[in-house]
Amino acid sequence: MNYLANLRNLHFGDVVNIVFYLFLISIAVIFSDQIKIWWFIVLFNFLVISLIVYMAVKWEGSGNPQDFFAKRFMREWYLVPLILLTFKEIYFFIELLNLPDYDWILIKLDYLLFGVHPTYVLGKIANPVLTEILQIAYSTFYFLPIILGYDFYRRGDIKTYRYVMGTVVYGFYLSYIGYLLVPAIGPRFTLHDFLKLDDELPGLFLTKALRLMINTGESIPPGVPNPADYAQRDAFPSGHTQITLVIMYLSVVLNSKTKYFLVPTGILLIFSTVYLRYHYVIDLIAGFLFAVFTVATSPYLFNQCETKIGLRDAKENRVQAVCSS
């Protein structure tokens, strides 16, 4: 009975993860005839769900003073590495299901909207200084949610922290569904020669190293002659645009001082997605729509989790103004 009662300790981010991992399990089972290791995926995802539940049941508000800090930190921040882990799992799903690329549709939509390919146009204003600035801005992507979340975590405002990070995880997983529905690799592979990118868009000091880091994160081994065969299909929607807009919005409406860094950096980051040839403009439009959907529905979902599951005794704070609107 106590175990079931402690399930009320599950917070918004926990529930989002559990629901999404159950979704991935259902995909593995439904397409088990195509996915030979479906049983491994099911076991792995159940393990992740079990760990989330265990932390909620055993670690929430318990533990001796010596290990409470470590448990609280892991309890709250496990969301960040799990976003990346899930991103990789989506990559394997697309590979195992042998899903086709839909870049040709996105290219046609861009051309229909603008009459030109936007990356060609931006290539005319390219210069090493601008490229360096934008590559640095693009590389800050995964740090932006951490910066905003930590602003509330360090103050002990756990309720607002959980709202922010739960919304971020929710947004990421919505974009991952987009990757499954519309796999696409992006214009640096389709409209341009990926292997000539350093020559055509050179930076100054950090650009090349940052590109290598990003390429590695997207499963592209350095030096391979056919990098498109390895790259993750994560162009549509632009998750960089979606999540960055969500972070910019939350930093403003929650009145975080980090907004003075996050908003200008976010603007540069969004522009960089096309300038650096990672995305088509139609990806950004979809990312904007996904961002609107994320921030429009997240308060309702957060309130449902808070009311029906957890955070019953959390103090009133700034997140209430957002979630009650």
C-alpha atoms as a PDB file:
ATOM      1  CA  MET A   1       0.000   0.000   0.000  1.00  0.00           C
ATOM      2  CA  ASN A   2       2.862   2.367   0.838  1.00  0.00           C
ATOM      3  CA  TYR A   3       4.442   1.553  -2.517  1.00  0.00           C
ATOM      4  CA  LEU A   4       1.288   2.611  -4.379  1.00  0.00           C
ATOM      5  CA  ALA A   5       0.996   5.725  -2.255  1.00  0.00           C
ATOM      6  CA  ASN A   6       4.572   6.670  -3.107  1.00  0.00           C
ATOM      7  CA  LEU A   7       3.742   6.565  -6.805  1.00  0.00           C
ATOM      8  CA  ARG A   8       2.278   9.987  -6.129  1.00  0.00           C
ATOM      9  CA  ASN A   9       5.887  11.171  -6.002  1.00  0.00           C
ATOM     10  CA  LEU A  10       6.094  10.844  -9.782  1.00  0.00           C
ATOM     11  CA  HIS A  11       6.431  14.328 -11.250  1.00  0.00           C
ATOM     12  CA  PHE A  12       5.658  15.738 -14.692  1.00  0.00           C
ATOM     13  CA  GLY A  13       8.986  14.769 -16.270  1.00  0.00           C
ATOM     14  CA  ASP A  14       8.717  11.242 -14.858  1.00  0.00           C
ATOM     15  CA  VAL A  15       5.271  10.761 -16.349  1.00  0.00           C
ATOM     16  CA  VAL A  16       6.342  12.123 -19.749  1.00  0.00           C
ATOM     17  CA  ASN A  17       9.254   9.688 -19.824  1.00  0.00           C
ATOM     18  CA  ILE A  18       7.167   6.714 -18.745  1.00  0.00           C
ATOM     19  CA  VAL A  19       4.467   7.418 -21.335  1.00  0.00           C
ATOM     20  CA  PHE A  20       7.012   7.901 -24.130  1.00  0.00           C
ATOM     21  CA  TYR A  21       8.922   4.751 -23.240  1.00  0.00           C
ATOM     22  CA  LEU A  22       5.664   2.793 -23.223  1.00  0.00           C
ATOM     23  CA  PHE A  23       5.068   4.270 -26.683  1.00  0.00           C
ATOM     24  CA  LEU A  24       8.466   2.990 -27.837  1.00  0.00           C
ATOM     25  CA  ILE A  25       7.710  -0.422 -26.351  1.00  0.00           C
ATOM     26  CA  SER A  26       4.441  -0.555 -28.276  1.00  0.00           C
ATOM     27  CA  ILE A  27       6.253   0.280 -31.526  1.00  0.00           C
ATOM     28  CA  ALA A  28       8.784  -2.507 -30.901  1.00  0.00           C
ATOM     29  CA  VAL A  29       5.992  -5.013 -30.254  1.00  0.00           C
ATOM     30  CA  ILE A  30       3.804  -3.927 -33.185  1.00  0.00           C
ATOM     31  CA  PHE A  31       6.724  -4.102 -35.617  1.00  0.00           C
ATOM     32  CA  SER A  32       8.406  -7.114 -34.020  1.00  0.00           C
ATOM     33  CA  ASP A  33       8.440  -8.887 -37.380  1.00  0.00           C
ATOM     34  CA  GLN A  34      10.757  -6.146 -38.722  1.00  0.00           C
ATOM     35  CA  ILE A  35      12.774  -5.537 -35.558  1.00  0.00           C
ATOM     36  CA  LYS A  36      14.747  -8.659 -34.743  1.00  0.00           C
ATOM     37  CA  ILE A  37      15.905  -7.348 -31.374  1.00  0.00           C
ATOM     38  CA  TRP A  38      12.448  -6.110 -30.346  1.00  0.00           C
ATOM     39  CA  TRP A  39      12.613  -8.133 -27.140  1.00  0.00           C
ATOM     40  CA  PHE A  40      15.820  -6.351 -26.119  1.00  0.00           C
ATOM     41  CA  ILE A  41      14.234  -2.951 -26.775  1.00  0.00           C
ATOM     42  CA  VAL A  42      11.227  -3.919 -24.667  1.00  0.00           C
ATOM     43  CA  LEU A  43      13.406  -5.128 -21.784  1.00  0.00           C
ATOM     44  CA  PHE A  44      15.639  -2.057 -21.933  1.00  0.00           C
ATOM     45  CA  ASN A  45      12.712   0.354 -21.951  1.00  0.00           C
ATOM     46  CA  PHE A  46      11.004  -1.463 -19.089  1.00  0.00           C
ATOM     47  CA  LEU A  47      14.268  -1.170 -17.175  1.00  0.00           C
ATOM     48  CA  VAL A  48      14.318   2.592 -17.725  1.00  0.00           C
ATOM     49  CA  ILE A  49      10.704   2.870 -16.563  1.00  0.00           C
ATOM     50  CA  SER A  50      11.492   0.738 -13.505  1.00  0.00           C
ATOM     51  CA  LEU A  51      14.422   2.983 -12.563  1.00  0.00           C
ATOM     52  CA  ILE A  52      12.246   6.097 -12.853  1.00  0.00           C
ATOM     53  CA  VAL A  53       9.585   4.544 -10.639  1.00  0.00           C
ATOM     54  CA  TYR A  54      12.203   3.321  -8.147  1.00  0.00           C
ATOM     55  CA  MET A  55      13.669   6.810  -7.767  1.00  0.00           C
ATOM     56  CA  ALA A  56      10.203   8.282  -7.236  1.00  0.00           C
ATOM     57  CA  VAL A  57       9.214   5.667  -4.673  1.00  0.00           C
ATOM     58  CA  LYS A  58      12.480   5.285  -2.773  1.00  0.00           C
ATOM     59  CA  TRP A  59      14.336   8.574  -3.161  1.00  0.00           C
ATOM     60  CA  GLU A  60      11.691  11.299  -2.970  1.00  0.00           C
ATOM     61  CA  GLY A  61      12.187  13.148   0.304  1.00  0.00           C
ATOM     62  CA  SER A  62      13.931  10.222   1.966  1.00  0.00           C
ATOM     63  CA  GLY A  63      17.435   9.101   2.772  1.00  0.00           C
ATOM     64  CA  ASN A  64      19.987  10.039   5.407  1.00  0.00           C
ATOM     65  CA  PRO A  65      21.735  13.441   5.290  1.00  0.00           C
ATOM     66  CA  GLN A  66      24.912  11.902   3.870  1.00  0.00           C
ATOM     67  CA  ASP A  67      23.358  10.677   0.629  1.00  0.00           C
ATOM     68  CA  PHE A  68      20.303  12.930   0.312  1.00  0.00           C
ATOM     69  CA  PHE A  69      22.081  15.523  -1.835  1.00  0.00           C
ATOM     70  CA  ALA A  70      23.382  12.937  -4.326  1.00  0.00           C
ATOM     71  CA  LYS A  71      20.006  11.225  -4.564  1.00  0.00           C
ATOM     72  CA  ARG A  72      18.149  14.514  -5.011  1.00  0.00           C
ATOM     73  CA  PHE A  73      20.581  15.579  -7.734  1.00  0.00           C
ATOM     74  CA  MET A  74      20.203  12.298  -9.638  1.00  0.00           C
ATOM     75  CA  ARG A  75      16.448  12.299  -9.048  1.00  0.00           C
ATOM     76  CA  GLU A  76      16.008  15.723 -10.616  1.00  0.00           C
ATOM     77  CA  TRP A  77      18.708  15.761 -13.310  1.00  0.00           C
ATOM     78  CA  TYR A  78      18.417  12.249 -14.757  1.00  0.00           C
ATOM     79  CA  LEU A  79      16.128  13.856 -17.360  1.00  0.00           C
ATOM     80  CA  VAL A  80      19.064  15.443 -19.178  1.00  0.00           C
ATOM     81  CA  PRO A  81      21.079  12.306 -20.104  1.00  0.00           C
ATOM     82  CA  LEU A  82      17.839  10.430 -20.777  1.00  0.00           C
ATOM     83  CA  ILE A  83      16.956  12.959 -23.512  1.00  0.00           C
ATOM     84  CA  LEU A  84      20.189  12.046 -25.300  1.00  0.00           C
ATOM     85  CA  LEU A  85      19.732   8.318 -24.694  1.00  0.00           C
ATOM     86  CA  THR A  86      16.226   8.459 -26.162  1.00  0.00           C
ATOM     87  CA  PHE A  87      17.531  10.447 -29.138  1.00  0.00           C
ATOM     88  CA  LYS A  88      19.851   7.535 -29.917  1.00  0.00           C
ATOM     89  CA  GLU A  89      17.050   5.028 -29.528  1.00  0.00           C
ATOM     90  CA  ILE A  90      15.010   6.913 -32.149  1.00  0.00           C
ATOM     91  CA  TYR A  91      18.013   6.608 -34.473  1.00  0.00           C
ATOM     92  CA  PHE A  92      17.997   2.820 -34.055  1.00  0.00           C
ATOM     93  CA  PHE A  93      14.249   2.643 -34.601  1.00  0.00           C
ATOM     94  CA  ILE A  94      14.556   4.484 -37.924  1.00  0.00           C
ATOM     95  CA  GLU A  95      17.417   2.206 -38.947  1.00  0.00           C
ATOM     96  CA  LEU A  96      15.739  -1.019 -37.852  1.00  0.00           C
ATOM     97  CA  LEU A  97      12.437  -0.109 -39.508  1.00  0.00           C
ATOM     98  CA  ASN A  98      14.327   0.941 -42.661  1.00  0.00           C
ATOM     99  CA  LEU A  99      12.246   4.110 -42.948  1.00  0.00           C
ATOM    100  CA  PRO A 100      12.731   6.181 -46.124  1.00  0.00           C
ATOM    101  CA  ASP A 101      14.029   9.763 -46.199  1.00  0.00           C
ATOM    102  CA  TYR A 102      11.569  12.517 -47.081  1.00  0.00           C
ATOM    103  CA  ASP A 103      14.051  15.271 -47.882  1.00  0.00           C
ATOM    104  CA  TRP A 104      12.712  15.534 -51.412  1.00  0.00           C
ATOM    105  CA  ILE A 105       9.359  16.729 -50.055  1.00  0.00           C
ATOM    106  CA  LEU A 106      10.967  19.272 -47.724  1.00  0.00           C
ATOM    107  CA  ILE A 107      13.169  20.584 -50.546  1.00  0.00           C
ATOM    108  CA  LYS A 108      10.119  21.062 -52.774  1.00  0.00           C
ATOM    109  CA  LEU A 109       8.212  22.836 -49.995  1.00  0.00           C
ATOM    110  CA  ASP A 110      11.099  25.240 -49.409  1.00  0.00           C
ATOM    111  CA  TYR A 111      11.357  25.960 -53.117  1.00  0.00           C
ATOM    112  CA  LEU A 112       7.592  26.426 -53.351  1.00  0.00           C
ATOM    113  CA  LEU A 113       7.696  28.966 -50.516  1.00  0.00           C
ATOM    114  CA  PHE A 114      10.757  30.952 -51.595  1.00  0.00           C
ATOM    115  CA  GLY A 115      11.412  30.181 -55.249  1.00  0.00           C
ATOM    116  CA  VAL A 116      15.033  29.417 -54.290  1.00  0.00           C
ATOM    117  CA  HIS A 117      16.877  27.154 -51.913  1.00  0.00           C
ATOM    118  CA  PRO A 118      17.439  29.270 -48.755  1.00  0.00           C
ATOM    119  CA  THR A 119      20.825  27.735 -47.953  1.00  0.00           C
ATOM    120  CA  TYR A 120      22.076  28.884 -51.379  1.00  0.00           C
ATOM    121  CA  VAL A 121      20.959  32.426 -50.635  1.00  0.00           C
ATOM    122  CA  LEU A 122      22.582  32.483 -47.198  1.00  0.00           C
ATOM    123  CA  GLY A 123      25.756  31.091 -48.702  1.00  0.00           C
ATOM    124  CA  LYS A 124      26.207  34.451 -50.467  1.00  0.00           C
ATOM    125  CA  ILE A 125      26.592  36.283 -47.140  1.00  0.00           C
ATOM    126  CA  ALA A 126      28.817  33.666 -45.537  1.00  0.00           C
ATOM    127  CA  ASN A 127      32.070  34.769 -43.950  1.00  0.00           C
ATOM    128  CA  PRO A 128      34.342  33.108 -41.367  1.00  0.00           C
ATOM    129  CA  VAL A 129      33.467  35.516 -38.526  1.00  0.00           C
ATOM    130  CA  LEU A 130      29.715  35.021 -38.942  1.00  0.00           C
ATOM    131  CA  THR A 131      30.181  31.262 -39.345  1.00  0.00           C
ATOM    132  CA  GLU A 132      32.231  31.090 -36.136  1.00  0.00           C
ATOM    133  CA  ILE A 133      29.635  33.016 -34.135  1.00  0.00           C
ATOM    134  CA  LEU A 134      26.745  30.946 -35.458  1.00  0.00           C
ATOM    135  CA  GLN A 135      28.515  27.607 -35.010  1.00  0.00           C
ATOM    136  CA  ILE A 136      29.196  28.490 -31.372  1.00  0.00           C
ATOM    137  CA  ALA A 137      25.562  29.542 -30.912  1.00  0.00           C
ATOM    138  CA  TYR A 138      24.327  26.313 -32.519  1.00  0.00           C
ATOM    139  CA  SER A 139      26.560  24.279 -30.204  1.00  0.00           C
ATOM    140  CA  THR A 140      24.971  25.775 -27.076  1.00  0.00           C
ATOM    141  CA  PHE A 141      21.678  23.990 -27.795  1.00  0.00           C
ATOM    142  CA  TYR A 142      21.766  21.268 -25.127  1.00  0.00           C
ATOM    143  CA  PHE A 143      23.098  23.722 -22.535  1.00  0.00           C
ATOM    144  CA  LEU A 144      20.200  26.175 -22.822  1.00  0.00           C
ATOM    145  CA  PRO A 145      17.645  24.008 -20.937  1.00  0.00           C
ATOM    146  CA  ILE A 146      20.265  23.266 -18.274  1.00  0.00           C
ATOM    147  CA  ILE A 147      20.975  26.970 -17.798  1.00  0.00           C
ATOM    148  CA  LEU A 148      17.300  27.820 -17.372  1.00  0.00           C
ATOM    149  CA  GLY A 149      16.520  24.798 -15.203  1.00  0.00           C
ATOM    150  CA  TYR A 150      19.504  25.361 -12.949  1.00  0.00           C
ATOM    151  CA  ASP A 151      18.411  28.939 -12.288  1.00  0.00           C
ATOM    152  CA  PHE A 152      15.387  27.573 -10.400  1.00  0.00           C
ATOM    153  CA  TYR A 153      17.079  24.458  -9.021  1.00  0.00           C
ATOM    154  CA  ARG A 154      19.807  26.465  -7.273  1.00  0.00           C
ATOM    155  CA  ARG A 155      17.133  28.593  -5.559  1.00  0.00           C
ATOM    156  CA  GLY A 156      15.357  25.505  -4.284  1.00  0.00           C
ATOM    157  CA  ASP A 157      12.310  26.269  -6.429  1.00  0.00           C
ATOM    158  CA  ILE A 158      11.844  22.624  -7.344  1.00  0.00           C
ATOM    159  CA  LYS A 159       8.290  23.049  -8.578  1.00  0.00           C
ATOM    160  CA  THR A 160       9.289  25.580 -11.238  1.00  0.00           C
ATOM    161  CA  TYR A 161      12.370  23.529 -12.079  1.00  0.00           C
ATOM    162  CA  ARG A 162      10.205  20.462 -12.651  1.00  0.00           C
ATOM    163  CA  TYR A 163       7.789  22.424 -14.804  1.00  0.00           C
ATOM    164  CA  VAL A 164      10.623  23.763 -16.971  1.00  0.00           C
ATOM    165  CA  MET A 165      12.457  20.465 -17.385  1.00  0.00           C
ATOM    166  CA  GLY A 166       9.264  18.463 -17.802  1.00  0.00           C
ATOM    167  CA  THR A 167       8.179  20.835 -20.557  1.00  0.00           C
ATOM    168  CA  VAL A 168      11.583  20.526 -22.229  1.00  0.00           C
ATOM    169  CA  VAL A 169      11.459  16.712 -22.148  1.00  0.00           C
ATOM    170  CA  TYR A 170       7.888  16.801 -23.463  1.00  0.00           C
ATOM    171  CA  GLY A 171       8.998  19.056 -26.317  1.00  0.00           C
ATOM    172  CA  PHE A 172      11.959  16.857 -27.193  1.00  0.00           C
ATOM    173  CA  TYR A 173       9.793  13.748 -27.343  1.00  0.00           C
ATOM    174  CA  LEU A 174       7.252  15.477 -29.579  1.00  0.00           C
ATOM    175  CA  SER A 175      10.078  16.273 -31.993  1.00  0.00           C
ATOM    176  CA  TYR A 176      11.257  12.652 -31.828  1.00  0.00           C
ATOM    177  CA  ILE A 177       7.814  11.553 -33.003  1.00  0.00           C
ATOM    178  CA  GLY A 178       8.292  13.937 -35.932  1.00  0.00           C
ATOM    179  CA  TYR A 179      11.590  12.233 -36.764  1.00  0.00           C
ATOM    180  CA  LEU A 180       9.831   8.878 -36.875  1.00  0.00           C
ATOM    181  CA  LEU A 181       7.016  10.173 -39.086  1.00  0.00           C
ATOM    182  CA  VAL A 182       9.163  12.260 -41.457  1.00  0.00           C
ATOM    183  CA  PRO A 183      12.771  11.028 -41.458  1.00  0.00           C
ATOM    184  CA  ALA A 184      15.039  13.564 -43.157  1.00  0.00           C
ATOM    185  CA  ILE A 185      18.748  14.213 -43.191  1.00  0.00           C
ATOM    186  CA  GLY A 186      18.980  17.938 -44.012  1.00  0.00           C
ATOM    187  CA  PRO A 187      20.427  20.160 -46.752  1.00  0.00           C
ATOM    188  CA  ARG A 188      24.095  19.732 -45.817  1.00  0.00           C
ATOM    189  CA  PHE A 189      23.753  16.245 -47.323  1.00  0.00           C
ATOM    190  CA  THR A 190      21.139  16.750 -50.050  1.00  0.00           C
ATOM    191  CA  LEU A 191      21.680  20.238 -51.483  1.00  0.00           C
ATOM    192  CA  HIS A 192      25.364  20.500 -50.600  1.00  0.00           C
ATOM    193  CA  ASP A 193      28.419  18.287 -50.373  1.00  0.00           C
ATOM    194  CA  PHE A 194      28.861  17.398 -46.716  1.00  0.00           C
ATOM    195  CA  LEU A 195      32.542  16.614 -47.220  1.00  0.00           C
ATOM    196  CA  LYS A 196      33.185  20.151 -48.535  1.00  0.00           C
ATOM    197  CA  LEU A 197      31.427  21.936 -45.676  1.00  0.00           C
ATOM    198  CA  ASP A 198      34.644  23.042 -43.942  1.00  0.00           C
ATOM    199  CA  ASP A 199      35.893  24.525 -47.219  1.00  0.00           C
ATOM    200  CA  GLU A 200      32.627  26.195 -48.229  1.00  0.00           C
ATOM    201  CA  LEU A 201      31.697  27.482 -44.734  1.00  0.00           C
ATOM    202  CA  PRO A 202      34.996  27.924 -42.915  1.00  0.00           C
ATOM    203  CA  GLY A 203      35.115  29.451 -39.459  1.00  0.00           C
ATOM    204  CA  LEU A 204      37.987  30.803 -37.397  1.00  0.00           C
ATOM    205  CA  PHE A 205      39.127  28.818 -34.371  1.00  0.00           C
ATOM    206  CA  LEU A 206      36.369  26.583 -32.994  1.00  0.00           C
ATOM    207  CA  THR A 207      34.081  25.880 -35.936  1.00  0.00           C
ATOM    208  CA  LYS A 208      35.787  22.742 -37.202  1.00  0.00           C
ATOM    209  CA  ALA A 209      36.081  21.175 -33.738  1.00  0.00           C
ATOM    210  CA  LEU A 210      32.465  22.012 -32.877  1.00  0.00           C
ATOM    211  CA  ARG A 211      31.259  20.486 -36.148  1.00  0.00           C
ATOM    212  CA  LEU A 212      33.181  17.318 -35.402  1.00  0.00           C
ATOM    213  CA  MET A 213      31.610  17.147 -31.941  1.00  0.00           C
ATOM    214  CA  ILE A 214      28.106  17.643 -33.362  1.00  0.00           C
ATOM    215  CA  ASN A 215      28.696  15.114 -36.150  1.00  0.00           C
ATOM    216  CA  THR A 216      29.867  12.556 -33.598  1.00  0.00           C
ATOM    217  CA  GLY A 217      26.739  13.184 -31.538  1.00  0.00           C
ATOM    218  CA  GLU A 218      24.697  12.512 -34.652  1.00  0.00           C
ATOM    219  CA  SER A 219      26.404   9.132 -35.184  1.00  0.00           C
ATOM    220  CA  ILE A 220      28.651  10.256 -38.075  1.00  0.00           C
ATOM    221  CA  PRO A 221      32.126   8.708 -37.705  1.00  0.00           C
ATOM    222  CA  PRO A 222      34.966  11.034 -38.724  1.00  0.00           C
ATOM    223  CA  GLY A 223      36.541  10.423 -42.112  1.00  0.00           C
ATOM    224  CA  VAL A 224      33.965   8.035 -43.585  1.00  0.00           C
ATOM    225  CA  PRO A 225      33.385   8.466 -47.356  1.00  0.00           C
ATOM    226  CA  ASN A 226      29.593   8.067 -47.050  1.00  0.00           C
ATOM    227  CA  PRO A 227      28.576  10.082 -43.961  1.00  0.00           C
ATOM    228  CA  ALA A 228      24.921  10.296 -45.052  1.00  0.00           C
ATOM    229  CA  ASP A 229      24.565   6.568 -44.414  1.00  0.00           C
ATOM    230  CA  TYR A 230      25.345   7.085 -40.725  1.00  0.00           C
ATOM    231  CA  ALA A 231      23.685  10.405 -39.908  1.00  0.00           C
ATOM    232  CA  GLN A 232      20.574  10.559 -37.755  1.00  0.00           C
ATOM    233  CA  ARG A 233      17.359  11.481 -39.510  1.00  0.00           C
ATOM    234  CA  ASP A 234      16.469  14.447 -37.320  1.00  0.00           C
ATOM    235  CA  ALA A 235      15.768  17.384 -39.635  1.00  0.00           C
ATOM    236  CA  PHE A 236      11.967  17.576 -39.426  1.00  0.00           C
ATOM    237  CA  PRO A 237      10.836  19.278 -37.334  1.00  0.00           C
ATOM    238  CA  SER A 238      13.787  21.407 -36.279  1.00  0.00           C
ATOM    239  CA  GLY A 239      14.155  20.358 -32.668  1.00  0.00           C
ATOM    240  CA  HIS A 240      16.757  23.099 -32.263  1.00  0.00           C
ATOM    241  CA  THR A 241      14.147  25.673 -33.240  1.00  0.00           C
ATOM    242  CA  GLN A 242      11.353  24.099 -31.217  1.00  0.00           C
ATOM    243  CA  ILE A 243      13.199  23.631 -27.936  1.00  0.00           C
ATOM    244  CA  THR A 244      15.048  26.946 -28.211  1.00  0.00           C
ATOM    245  CA  LEU A 245      11.758  28.791 -28.674  1.00  0.00           C
ATOM    246  CA  VAL A 246      10.302  26.928 -25.692  1.00  0.00           C
ATOM    247  CA  ILE A 247      13.308  27.902 -23.550  1.00  0.00           C
ATOM    248  CA  MET A 248      13.166  31.532 -24.684  1.00  0.00           C
ATOM    249  CA  TYR A 249       9.445  31.680 -23.917  1.00  0.00           C
ATOM    250  CA  LEU A 250       9.769  30.082 -20.482  1.00  0.00           C
ATOM    251  CA  SER A 251      12.714  32.290 -19.522  1.00  0.00           C
ATOM    252  CA  VAL A 252      10.566  35.363 -20.218  1.00  0.00           C
ATOM    253  CA  VAL A 253       7.222  34.284 -18.724  1.00  0.00           C
ATOM    254  CA  LEU A 254       8.917  32.851 -15.624  1.00  0.00           C
ATOM    255  CA  ASN A 255      11.017  36.021 -15.373  1.00  0.00           C
ATOM    256  CA  SER A 256      14.373  34.290 -15.127  1.00  0.00           C
ATOM    257  CA  LYS A 257      17.415  36.529 -15.294  1.00  0.00           C
ATOM    258  CA  THR A 258      18.893  33.987 -17.701  1.00  0.00           C
ATOM    259  CA  LYS A 259      16.580  35.429 -20.381  1.00  0.00           C
ATOM    260  CA  TYR A 260      19.178  38.126 -21.086  1.00  0.00           C
ATOM    261  CA  PHE A 261      21.493  35.379 -22.313  1.00  0.00           C
ATOM    262  CA  LEU A 262      18.981  32.830 -23.583  1.00  0.00           C
ATOM    263  CA  VAL A 263      16.932  35.104 -25.855  1.00  0.00           C
ATOM    264  CA  PRO A 264      19.766  36.628 -27.945  1.00  0.00           C
ATOM    265  CA  THR A 265      21.628  33.311 -28.042  1.00  0.00           C
ATOM    266  CA  GLY A 266      18.424  31.569 -29.081  1.00  0.00           C
ATOM    267  CA  ILE A 267      17.843  34.000 -31.955  1.00  0.00           C
ATOM    268  CA  LEU A 268      21.351  33.364 -33.272  1.00  0.00           C
ATOM    269  CA  LEU A 269      20.902  29.615 -32.818  1.00  0.00           C
ATOM    270  CA  ILE A 270      17.668  29.505 -34.812  1.00  0.00           C
ATOM    271  CA  PHE A 271      19.194  31.517 -37.669  1.00  0.00           C
ATOM    272  CA  SER A 272      22.256  29.261 -37.620  1.00  0.00           C
ATOM    273  CA  THR A 273      20.188  26.137 -38.317  1.00  0.00           C
ATOM    274  CA  VAL A 274      19.655  27.225 -41.928  1.00  0.00           C
ATOM    275  CA  TYR A 275      22.863  29.220 -42.399  1.00  0.00           C
ATOM    276  CA  LEU A 276      24.953  26.213 -41.311  1.00  0.00           C
ATOM    277  CA  ARG A 277      22.852  23.923 -43.563  1.00  0.00           C
ATOM    278  CA  TYR A 278      21.470  21.698 -40.830  1.00  0.00           C
ATOM    279  CA  HIS A 279      17.840  22.464 -41.693  1.00  0.00           C
ATOM    280  CA  TYR A 280      15.420  23.522 -44.395  1.00  0.00           C
ATOM    281  CA  VAL A 281      13.251  26.534 -43.587  1.00  0.00           C
ATOM    282  CA  ILE A 282      10.173  24.290 -43.575  1.00  0.00           C
ATOM    283  CA  ASP A 283      11.823  22.463 -40.648  1.00  0.00           C
ATOM    284  CA  LEU A 284      11.918  25.754 -38.727  1.00  0.00           C
ATOM    285  CA  ILE A 285       8.267  26.455 -39.516  1.00  0.00           C
ATOM    286  CA  ALA A 286       7.365  23.002 -38.199  1.00  0.00           C
ATOM    287  CA  GLY A 287       9.589  23.600 -35.173  1.00  0.00           C
ATOM    288  CA  PHE A 288       7.708  26.824 -34.446  1.00  0.00           C
ATOM    289  CA  LEU A 289       4.358  25.015 -34.629  1.00  0.00           C
ATOM    290  CA  PHE A 290       5.669  22.217 -32.393  1.00  0.00           C
ATOM    291  CA  ALA A 291       6.906  24.846 -29.913  1.00  0.00           C
ATOM    292  CA  VAL A 292       3.492  26.527 -29.819  1.00  0.00           C
ATOM    293  CA  PHE A 293       1.822  23.170 -29.231  1.00  0.00           C
ATOM    294  CA  THR A 294       4.339  22.324 -26.503  1.00  0.00           C
ATOM    295  CA  VAL A 295       3.866  25.488 -24.452  1.00  0.00           C
ATOM    296  CA  ALA A 296       0.104  25.488 -25.047  1.00  0.00           C
ATOM    297  CA  THR A 297      -0.454  21.950 -23.749  1.00  0.00           C
ATOM    298  CA  SER A 298       2.328  21.617 -21.175  1.00  0.00           C
ATOM    299  CA  PRO A 299       0.584  23.659 -18.402  1.00  0.00           C
ATOM    300  CA  TYR A 300      -2.506  21.459 -18.617  1.00  0.00           C
ATOM    301  CA  LEU A 301      -0.452  18.261 -18.466  1.00  0.00           C
ATOM    302  CA  PHE A 302       1.641  19.630 -15.614  1.00  0.00           C
ATOM    303  CA  ASN A 303      -1.489  20.498 -13.649  1.00  0.00           C
ATOM    304  CA  GLN A 304      -2.907  17.028 -14.240  1.00  0.00           C
ATOM    305  CA  CYS A 305       0.285  15.415 -12.946  1.00  0.00           C
ATOM    306  CA  GLU A 306       0.454  17.763  -9.968  1.00  0.00           C
ATOM    307  CA  THR A 307      -3.180  17.312  -9.013  1.00  0.00           C
ATOM    308  CA  LYS A 308      -3.568  13.601  -9.622  1.00  0.00           C
ATOM    309  CA  ILE A 309      -0.052  12.353  -8.925  1.00  0.00           C
ATOM    310  CA  GLY A 310       2.470  14.477  -7.122  1.00  0.00           C
ATOM    311  CA  LEU A 311       3.734  17.783  -5.784  1.00  0.00           C
ATOM    312  CA  ARG A 312       0.756  17.998  -3.465  1.00  0.00           C
ATOM    313  CA  ASP A 313       2.593  19.969  -0.802  1.00  0.00           C
ATOM    314  CA  ALA A 314       4.772  22.116  -3.057  1.00  0.00           C
ATOM    315  CA  LYS A 315       4.777  25.788  -2.203  1.00  0.00           C
ATOM    316  CA  GLU A 316       3.015  28.350  -4.396  1.00  0.00           C
ATOM    317  CA  ASN A 317       5.419  30.065  -6.766  1.00  0.00           C
ATOM    318  CA  ARG A 318       5.826  31.707 -10.149  1.00  0.00           C
ATOM    319  CA  VAL A 319       4.952  28.578 -12.134  1.00  0.00           C
ATOM    320  CA  GLN A 320       1.372  28.823 -10.881  1.00  0.00           C
ATOM    321  CA  ALA A 321       0.806  31.959 -12.964  1.00  0.00           C
ATOM    322  CA  VAL A 322       1.755  30.095 -16.122  1.00  0.00           C
ATOM    323  CA  CYS A 323      -0.060  26.850 -15.396  1.00  0.00           C
ATOM    324  CA  SER A 324      -3.287  28.466 -14.273  1.00  0.00           C
ATOM    325  CA  SER A 325      -3.607  30.731 -17.295  1.00  0.00           C
END
